[in-house]
Amino acid sequence: MSGVSGVSGLSATLPRMHSLGDAALLCELPAPATLAAQQKIWALADEARQWPGVTEVLPGMNNLSLIYEPGRVDSEELEARVAAIWPRLAANAIVGRHIEIPVYYGGEGGPDLGDVARHTGLTPAEVVRQHSAAEYIVYLLGFLPGFAFLGGLAPALATPRRTEPRTAVPAGSVGIGGEQTGVYPLVSPGGWQLIGRTSVRLFDPQAAEPTLLRPGDRVRFVAEWVEFE
């Protein structure tokens, strides 16, 4: 579906564009990442998939990478296309699914819940309440198979990453990293503050659809159990 419209309620400010090597163009929006901006990124991606010479379209958080065939198109031509269409793009509001993820907060699965509470000045119970009260939007998948970058964390819960990352974060760990929250789908090194854990599998390579979440999905965390220090 085309994302072009004669009127857009969003800013017409052009993305910053620069080459990535000889066959890729990065289109990048200024921070902070917002749902409205991400929806325009999705709309631009839909349009760019139809452009001759573009072989791959990679939406990121607040950015879009266009991979192209240098013999058919060059970066200057792509920049001109983006500049021409961007002001006319309407936000592409992907109709995602509503998915609930049960979480056991605190305890062994959420060893950093107390640290997040101390940093934010909230009680652990209030951290859990605010984290599980919000509705999150999947902006994109990346970092690990099935890892969803979620928008919608309450600003009051924003907490810097750990100064010393863990070498092995258990699969299913729910964490906060800066202004984002997410779930580690696999055992992985990581520096996010771990506040809980879920038994839900976010990545199953044997399943017909290996990743549980998709861009545009709306996610709610459900507090199944809470254990405080």
C-alpha atoms as a PDB file:
ATOM      1  CA  MET A   1       0.000   0.000   0.000  1.00  0.00           C
ATOM      2  CA  SER A   2       1.388   3.391  -0.940  1.00  0.00           C
ATOM      3  CA  GLY A   3       2.252   5.801   1.823  1.00  0.00           C
ATOM      4  CA  VAL A   4       1.993   8.897  -0.378  1.00  0.00           C
ATOM      5  CA  SER A   5      -0.604  11.501   0.490  1.00  0.00           C
ATOM      6  CA  GLY A   6      -1.150  15.098  -0.462  1.00  0.00           C
ATOM      7  CA  VAL A   7      -1.338  16.145   3.195  1.00  0.00           C
ATOM      8  CA  SER A   8       0.745  14.973   6.119  1.00  0.00           C
ATOM      9  CA  GLY A   9       0.388  16.066   9.713  1.00  0.00           C
ATOM     10  CA  LEU A  10       4.011  15.179  10.359  1.00  0.00           C
ATOM     11  CA  SER A  11       7.076  17.326   9.915  1.00  0.00           C
ATOM     12  CA  ALA A  12       8.357  17.593   6.344  1.00  0.00           C
ATOM     13  CA  THR A  13      11.947  17.966   7.559  1.00  0.00           C
ATOM     14  CA  LEU A  14      14.095  15.774   5.332  1.00  0.00           C
ATOM     15  CA  PRO A  15      16.088  12.879   6.779  1.00  0.00           C
ATOM     16  CA  ARG A  16      19.839  13.337   6.870  1.00  0.00           C
ATOM     17  CA  MET A  17      21.284  11.185   4.062  1.00  0.00           C
ATOM     18  CA  HIS A  18      24.773   9.838   3.490  1.00  0.00           C
ATOM     19  CA  SER A  19      26.385   6.905   1.707  1.00  0.00           C
ATOM     20  CA  LEU A  20      27.371   3.664   3.402  1.00  0.00           C
ATOM     21  CA  GLY A  21      30.089   2.373   1.106  1.00  0.00           C
ATOM     22  CA  ASP A  22      29.442   2.240  -2.626  1.00  0.00           C
ATOM     23  CA  ALA A  23      26.048   0.546  -2.671  1.00  0.00           C
ATOM     24  CA  ALA A  24      23.979   1.759   0.294  1.00  0.00           C
ATOM     25  CA  LEU A  25      22.296   4.976   1.380  1.00  0.00           C
ATOM     26  CA  LEU A  26      21.371   5.747   4.990  1.00  0.00           C
ATOM     27  CA  CYS A  27      18.362   8.024   5.615  1.00  0.00           C
ATOM     28  CA  GLU A  28      18.389   9.139   9.247  1.00  0.00           C
ATOM     29  CA  LEU A  29      15.952  11.214  11.311  1.00  0.00           C
ATOM     30  CA  PRO A  30      16.997  13.295  14.322  1.00  0.00           C
ATOM     31  CA  ALA A  31      16.388  11.964  17.835  1.00  0.00           C
ATOM     32  CA  PRO A  32      14.249  11.221  19.691  1.00  0.00           C
ATOM     33  CA  ALA A  33      12.631   8.221  18.038  1.00  0.00           C
ATOM     34  CA  THR A  34       8.851   8.581  18.009  1.00  0.00           C
ATOM     35  CA  LEU A  35       6.033   6.416  16.707  1.00  0.00           C
ATOM     36  CA  ALA A  36       5.055   9.099  14.174  1.00  0.00           C
ATOM     37  CA  ALA A  37       8.614   9.249  12.835  1.00  0.00           C
ATOM     38  CA  GLN A  38       8.858   5.456  12.695  1.00  0.00           C
ATOM     39  CA  GLN A  39       5.596   5.276  10.776  1.00  0.00           C
ATOM     40  CA  LYS A  40       7.022   7.630   8.142  1.00  0.00           C
ATOM     41  CA  ILE A  41      10.115   5.410   7.962  1.00  0.00           C
ATOM     42  CA  TRP A  42       7.810   2.452   7.269  1.00  0.00           C
ATOM     43  CA  ALA A  43       6.008   4.468   4.586  1.00  0.00           C
ATOM     44  CA  LEU A  44       9.289   5.427   2.920  1.00  0.00           C
ATOM     45  CA  ALA A  45      10.342   1.764   3.021  1.00  0.00           C
ATOM     46  CA  ASP A  46       7.122   0.744   1.235  1.00  0.00           C
ATOM     47  CA  GLU A  47       7.807   3.266  -1.525  1.00  0.00           C
ATOM     48  CA  ALA A  48      11.523   2.465  -1.872  1.00  0.00           C
ATOM     49  CA  ARG A  49      10.821  -1.242  -2.393  1.00  0.00           C
ATOM     50  CA  GLN A  50       9.274  -0.284  -5.731  1.00  0.00           C
ATOM     51  CA  TRP A  51      12.216   1.802  -6.981  1.00  0.00           C
ATOM     52  CA  PRO A  52      14.346   0.365  -9.809  1.00  0.00           C
ATOM     53  CA  GLY A  53      17.826  -0.632  -8.699  1.00  0.00           C
ATOM     54  CA  VAL A  54      16.953  -0.903  -4.982  1.00  0.00           C
ATOM     55  CA  THR A  55      17.662  -4.486  -3.944  1.00  0.00           C
ATOM     56  CA  GLU A  56      17.041  -4.344  -0.198  1.00  0.00           C
ATOM     57  CA  VAL A  57      15.253  -2.008   2.218  1.00  0.00           C
ATOM     58  CA  LEU A  58      16.251  -2.119   5.896  1.00  0.00           C
ATOM     59  CA  PRO A  59      14.130  -0.071   8.325  1.00  0.00           C
ATOM     60  CA  GLY A  60      15.947   0.760  11.563  1.00  0.00           C
ATOM     61  CA  MET A  61      15.156   2.785  14.645  1.00  0.00           C
ATOM     62  CA  ASN A  62      14.614   6.296  13.262  1.00  0.00           C
ATOM     63  CA  ASN A  63      16.457   5.413  10.044  1.00  0.00           C
ATOM     64  CA  LEU A  64      16.258   3.508   6.778  1.00  0.00           C
ATOM     65  CA  SER A  65      19.052   1.894   4.772  1.00  0.00           C
ATOM     66  CA  LEU A  66      18.624   1.441   1.022  1.00  0.00           C
ATOM     67  CA  ILE A  67      20.837  -1.165  -0.653  1.00  0.00           C
ATOM     68  CA  TYR A  68      21.135  -0.636  -4.395  1.00  0.00           C
ATOM     69  CA  GLU A  69      22.849  -1.801  -7.594  1.00  0.00           C
ATOM     70  CA  PRO A  70      25.421   0.854  -8.574  1.00  0.00           C
ATOM     71  CA  GLY A  71      25.065  -0.036 -12.243  1.00  0.00           C
ATOM     72  CA  ARG A  72      21.346   0.822 -12.223  1.00  0.00           C
ATOM     73  CA  VAL A  73      21.112   3.744  -9.798  1.00  0.00           C
ATOM     74  CA  ASP A  74      23.445   5.910  -7.722  1.00  0.00           C
ATOM     75  CA  SER A  75      23.218   7.568  -4.320  1.00  0.00           C
ATOM     76  CA  GLU A  76      22.542  11.035  -5.769  1.00  0.00           C
ATOM     77  CA  GLU A  77      19.491   9.748  -7.645  1.00  0.00           C
ATOM     78  CA  LEU A  78      18.190   7.978  -4.535  1.00  0.00           C
ATOM     79  CA  GLU A  79      18.723  11.083  -2.408  1.00  0.00           C
ATOM     80  CA  ALA A  80      16.704  13.073  -4.927  1.00  0.00           C
ATOM     81  CA  ARG A  81      13.895  10.484  -4.830  1.00  0.00           C
ATOM     82  CA  VAL A  82      13.776  10.560  -1.029  1.00  0.00           C
ATOM     83  CA  ALA A  83      13.804  14.370  -0.972  1.00  0.00           C
ATOM     84  CA  ALA A  84      10.962  14.536  -3.497  1.00  0.00           C
ATOM     85  CA  ILE A  85       8.662  12.024  -1.830  1.00  0.00           C
ATOM     86  CA  TRP A  86       9.334  12.628   1.876  1.00  0.00           C
ATOM     87  CA  PRO A  87       7.130  15.746   2.306  1.00  0.00           C
ATOM     88  CA  ARG A  88       4.203  13.892   0.705  1.00  0.00           C
ATOM     89  CA  LEU A  89       4.472  10.705   2.774  1.00  0.00           C
ATOM     90  CA  ALA A  90       1.648   9.854   5.116  1.00  0.00           C
ATOM     91  CA  ALA A  91       2.476   7.839   8.199  1.00  0.00           C
ATOM     92  CA  ASN A  92       2.133   4.116   7.557  1.00  0.00           C
ATOM     93  CA  ALA A  93       0.289   2.873  10.624  1.00  0.00           C
ATOM     94  CA  ILE A  94       0.961  -0.856  10.432  1.00  0.00           C
ATOM     95  CA  VAL A  95      -1.963  -2.778  11.873  1.00  0.00           C
ATOM     96  CA  GLY A  96      -0.131  -4.953  14.369  1.00  0.00           C
ATOM     97  CA  ARG A  97      -1.385  -7.627  16.713  1.00  0.00           C
ATOM     98  CA  HIS A  98      -1.993  -7.216  20.445  1.00  0.00           C
ATOM     99  CA  ILE A  99       0.359  -9.522  22.333  1.00  0.00           C
ATOM    100  CA  GLU A 100       0.625 -10.055  26.082  1.00  0.00           C
ATOM    101  CA  ILE A 101       3.875 -11.288  27.606  1.00  0.00           C
ATOM    102  CA  PRO A 102       3.728 -12.620  31.190  1.00  0.00           C
ATOM    103  CA  VAL A 103       6.657 -11.495  33.348  1.00  0.00           C
ATOM    104  CA  TYR A 104       8.032 -12.598  36.707  1.00  0.00           C
ATOM    105  CA  TYR A 105       9.462  -9.344  38.056  1.00  0.00           C
ATOM    106  CA  GLY A 106      12.394  -9.178  40.453  1.00  0.00           C
ATOM    107  CA  GLY A 107      14.075 -12.079  42.192  1.00  0.00           C
ATOM    108  CA  GLU A 108      16.606 -14.209  40.344  1.00  0.00           C
ATOM    109  CA  GLY A 109      15.129 -13.270  36.960  1.00  0.00           C
ATOM    110  CA  GLY A 110      15.167  -9.517  37.647  1.00  0.00           C
ATOM    111  CA  PRO A 111      18.314  -8.827  39.662  1.00  0.00           C
ATOM    112  CA  ASP A 112      18.448  -5.140  38.670  1.00  0.00           C
ATOM    113  CA  LEU A 113      14.912  -4.184  39.715  1.00  0.00           C
ATOM    114  CA  GLY A 114      16.227  -2.603  42.923  1.00  0.00           C
ATOM    115  CA  ASP A 115      18.897  -0.661  41.015  1.00  0.00           C
ATOM    116  CA  VAL A 116      16.293   0.714  38.599  1.00  0.00           C
ATOM    117  CA  ALA A 117      14.143   1.754  41.555  1.00  0.00           C
ATOM    118  CA  ARG A 118      17.049   3.543  43.226  1.00  0.00           C
ATOM    119  CA  HIS A 119      18.056   5.313  40.019  1.00  0.00           C
ATOM    120  CA  THR A 120      14.538   6.506  39.238  1.00  0.00           C
ATOM    121  CA  GLY A 121      13.593   7.343  42.808  1.00  0.00           C
ATOM    122  CA  LEU A 122      10.598   5.020  42.587  1.00  0.00           C
ATOM    123  CA  THR A 123       9.730   2.017  44.705  1.00  0.00           C
ATOM    124  CA  PRO A 124      10.228  -1.392  43.073  1.00  0.00           C
ATOM    125  CA  ALA A 125       6.442  -1.827  43.143  1.00  0.00           C
ATOM    126  CA  GLU A 126       5.985   1.439  41.226  1.00  0.00           C
ATOM    127  CA  VAL A 127       8.615   0.412  38.657  1.00  0.00           C
ATOM    128  CA  VAL A 128       6.673  -2.798  38.047  1.00  0.00           C
ATOM    129  CA  ARG A 129       3.355  -0.955  37.939  1.00  0.00           C
ATOM    130  CA  GLN A 130       4.518   1.576  35.362  1.00  0.00           C
ATOM    131  CA  HIS A 131       6.381  -0.996  33.254  1.00  0.00           C
ATOM    132  CA  SER A 132       3.379  -3.322  33.067  1.00  0.00           C
ATOM    133  CA  ALA A 133       0.827  -0.512  32.590  1.00  0.00           C
ATOM    134  CA  ALA A 134       2.228   0.777  29.296  1.00  0.00           C
ATOM    135  CA  GLU A 135       1.451  -0.379  25.775  1.00  0.00           C
ATOM    136  CA  TYR A 136       4.591  -0.772  23.677  1.00  0.00           C
ATOM    137  CA  ILE A 137       4.988  -0.659  19.897  1.00  0.00           C
ATOM    138  CA  VAL A 138       7.477  -2.869  18.069  1.00  0.00           C
ATOM    139  CA  TYR A 139       9.559  -0.425  16.016  1.00  0.00           C
ATOM    140  CA  LEU A 140      11.844  -3.032  14.472  1.00  0.00           C
ATOM    141  CA  LEU A 141      13.622  -6.342  14.993  1.00  0.00           C
ATOM    142  CA  GLY A 142      17.398  -6.478  15.273  1.00  0.00           C
ATOM    143  CA  PHE A 143      20.495  -7.085  17.414  1.00  0.00           C
ATOM    144  CA  LEU A 144      19.483 -10.737  17.885  1.00  0.00           C
ATOM    145  CA  PRO A 145      16.957 -12.941  16.043  1.00  0.00           C
ATOM    146  CA  GLY A 146      13.572 -12.052  17.515  1.00  0.00           C
ATOM    147  CA  PHE A 147      14.832  -9.089  19.556  1.00  0.00           C
ATOM    148  CA  ALA A 148      12.211  -6.329  19.343  1.00  0.00           C
ATOM    149  CA  PHE A 149      13.062  -2.670  19.875  1.00  0.00           C
ATOM    150  CA  LEU A 150      10.019  -1.311  21.684  1.00  0.00           C
ATOM    151  CA  GLY A 151       8.793   2.260  21.872  1.00  0.00           C
ATOM    152  CA  GLY A 152       6.619   3.477  24.731  1.00  0.00           C
ATOM    153  CA  LEU A 153       8.689   3.177  27.912  1.00  0.00           C
ATOM    154  CA  ALA A 154       7.556   5.687  30.530  1.00  0.00           C
ATOM    155  CA  PRO A 155      10.213   8.447  30.756  1.00  0.00           C
ATOM    156  CA  ALA A 156      10.274   8.014  34.535  1.00  0.00           C
ATOM    157  CA  LEU A 157      11.689   4.479  34.055  1.00  0.00           C
ATOM    158  CA  ALA A 158      14.612   5.456  31.811  1.00  0.00           C
ATOM    159  CA  THR A 159      17.796   4.013  33.339  1.00  0.00           C
ATOM    160  CA  PRO A 160      21.326   3.895  31.877  1.00  0.00           C
ATOM    161  CA  ARG A 161      22.790   0.571  30.867  1.00  0.00           C
ATOM    162  CA  ARG A 162      25.064  -1.224  33.299  1.00  0.00           C
ATOM    163  CA  THR A 163      28.648   0.009  33.429  1.00  0.00           C
ATOM    164  CA  GLU A 164      29.797  -3.627  33.219  1.00  0.00           C
ATOM    165  CA  PRO A 165      27.721  -5.700  30.765  1.00  0.00           C
ATOM    166  CA  ARG A 166      26.973  -9.304  31.643  1.00  0.00           C
ATOM    167  CA  THR A 167      28.672 -11.958  29.542  1.00  0.00           C
ATOM    168  CA  ALA A 168      25.525 -14.121  29.412  1.00  0.00           C
ATOM    169  CA  VAL A 169      22.022 -12.734  29.885  1.00  0.00           C
ATOM    170  CA  PRO A 170      19.448 -15.563  30.155  1.00  0.00           C
ATOM    171  CA  ALA A 171      16.884 -15.950  27.386  1.00  0.00           C
ATOM    172  CA  GLY A 172      13.571 -14.351  28.292  1.00  0.00           C
ATOM    173  CA  SER A 173      15.146 -11.617  30.406  1.00  0.00           C
ATOM    174  CA  VAL A 174      13.172  -8.370  30.394  1.00  0.00           C
ATOM    175  CA  GLY A 175      15.354  -5.310  30.640  1.00  0.00           C
ATOM    176  CA  ILE A 176      15.594  -1.540  30.460  1.00  0.00           C
ATOM    177  CA  GLY A 177      18.394   0.140  28.524  1.00  0.00           C
ATOM    178  CA  GLY A 178      18.293   3.918  28.498  1.00  0.00           C
ATOM    179  CA  GLU A 179      14.875   4.975  27.177  1.00  0.00           C
ATOM    180  CA  GLN A 180      13.957   1.533  25.842  1.00  0.00           C
ATOM    181  CA  THR A 181      12.749  -1.788  27.134  1.00  0.00           C
ATOM    182  CA  GLY A 182      12.876  -5.217  25.546  1.00  0.00           C
ATOM    183  CA  VAL A 183      13.231  -8.964  25.965  1.00  0.00           C
ATOM    184  CA  TYR A 184      16.364 -10.991  25.244  1.00  0.00           C
ATOM    185  CA  PRO A 185      15.181 -13.855  22.982  1.00  0.00           C
ATOM    186  CA  LEU A 186      18.423 -15.843  23.332  1.00  0.00           C
ATOM    187  CA  VAL A 187      21.295 -16.172  25.774  1.00  0.00           C
ATOM    188  CA  SER A 188      23.523 -13.242  24.925  1.00  0.00           C
ATOM    189  CA  PRO A 189      25.981 -10.747  26.368  1.00  0.00           C
ATOM    190  CA  GLY A 190      24.139  -7.587  27.343  1.00  0.00           C
ATOM    191  CA  GLY A 191      24.220  -4.468  29.438  1.00  0.00           C
ATOM    192  CA  TRP A 192      20.535  -3.704  29.980  1.00  0.00           C
ATOM    193  CA  GLN A 193      19.120  -3.523  33.507  1.00  0.00           C
ATOM    194  CA  LEU A 194      17.254  -6.794  34.085  1.00  0.00           C
ATOM    195  CA  ILE A 195      13.954  -6.329  35.916  1.00  0.00           C
ATOM    196  CA  GLY A 196      12.217  -9.640  35.187  1.00  0.00           C
ATOM    197  CA  ARG A 197      11.952 -12.721  33.038  1.00  0.00           C
ATOM    198  CA  THR A 198       9.334 -14.382  30.840  1.00  0.00           C
ATOM    199  CA  SER A 199       8.876 -18.006  29.846  1.00  0.00           C
ATOM    200  CA  VAL A 200       7.526 -16.968  26.427  1.00  0.00           C
ATOM    201  CA  ARG A 201       9.823 -17.874  23.529  1.00  0.00           C
ATOM    202  CA  LEU A 202      10.408 -14.886  21.288  1.00  0.00           C
ATOM    203  CA  PHE A 203      12.480 -16.845  18.779  1.00  0.00           C
ATOM    204  CA  ASP A 204      11.965 -20.437  17.692  1.00  0.00           C
ATOM    205  CA  PRO A 205      13.924 -21.407  14.544  1.00  0.00           C
ATOM    206  CA  GLN A 206      11.782 -24.522  14.104  1.00  0.00           C
ATOM    207  CA  ALA A 207       8.461 -22.658  14.034  1.00  0.00           C
ATOM    208  CA  ALA A 208       6.638 -21.652  10.854  1.00  0.00           C
ATOM    209  CA  GLU A 209       7.079 -18.044  12.016  1.00  0.00           C
ATOM    210  CA  PRO A 210      10.358 -18.086  13.978  1.00  0.00           C
ATOM    211  CA  THR A 211       9.896 -14.657  15.570  1.00  0.00           C
ATOM    212  CA  LEU A 212       6.973 -13.998  17.906  1.00  0.00           C
ATOM    213  CA  LEU A 213       6.899 -10.233  17.349  1.00  0.00           C
ATOM    214  CA  ARG A 214       6.660  -8.166  14.175  1.00  0.00           C
ATOM    215  CA  PRO A 215       7.001  -4.425  13.490  1.00  0.00           C
ATOM    216  CA  GLY A 216       3.794  -2.633  14.420  1.00  0.00           C
ATOM    217  CA  ASP A 217       2.722  -5.170  17.050  1.00  0.00           C
ATOM    218  CA  ARG A 218       1.408  -3.758  20.335  1.00  0.00           C
ATOM    219  CA  VAL A 219       2.849  -5.408  23.425  1.00  0.00           C
ATOM    220  CA  ARG A 220       1.734  -5.457  27.053  1.00  0.00           C
ATOM    221  CA  PHE A 221       3.770  -6.965  29.869  1.00  0.00           C
ATOM    222  CA  VAL A 222       1.616  -8.760  32.452  1.00  0.00           C
ATOM    223  CA  ALA A 223       2.963  -9.065  35.998  1.00  0.00           C
ATOM    224  CA  GLU A 224       2.517 -12.748  36.853  1.00  0.00           C
ATOM    225  CA  TRP A 225       4.610 -12.569  40.003  1.00  0.00           C
ATOM    226  CA  VAL A 226       6.674  -9.939  41.805  1.00  0.00           C
ATOM    227  CA  GLU A 227       9.532 -10.617  44.190  1.00  0.00           C
ATOM    228  CA  PHE A 228      11.176  -7.681  45.940  1.00  0.00           C
ATOM    229  CA  GLU A 229      14.491  -7.532  47.767  1.00  0.00           C
END
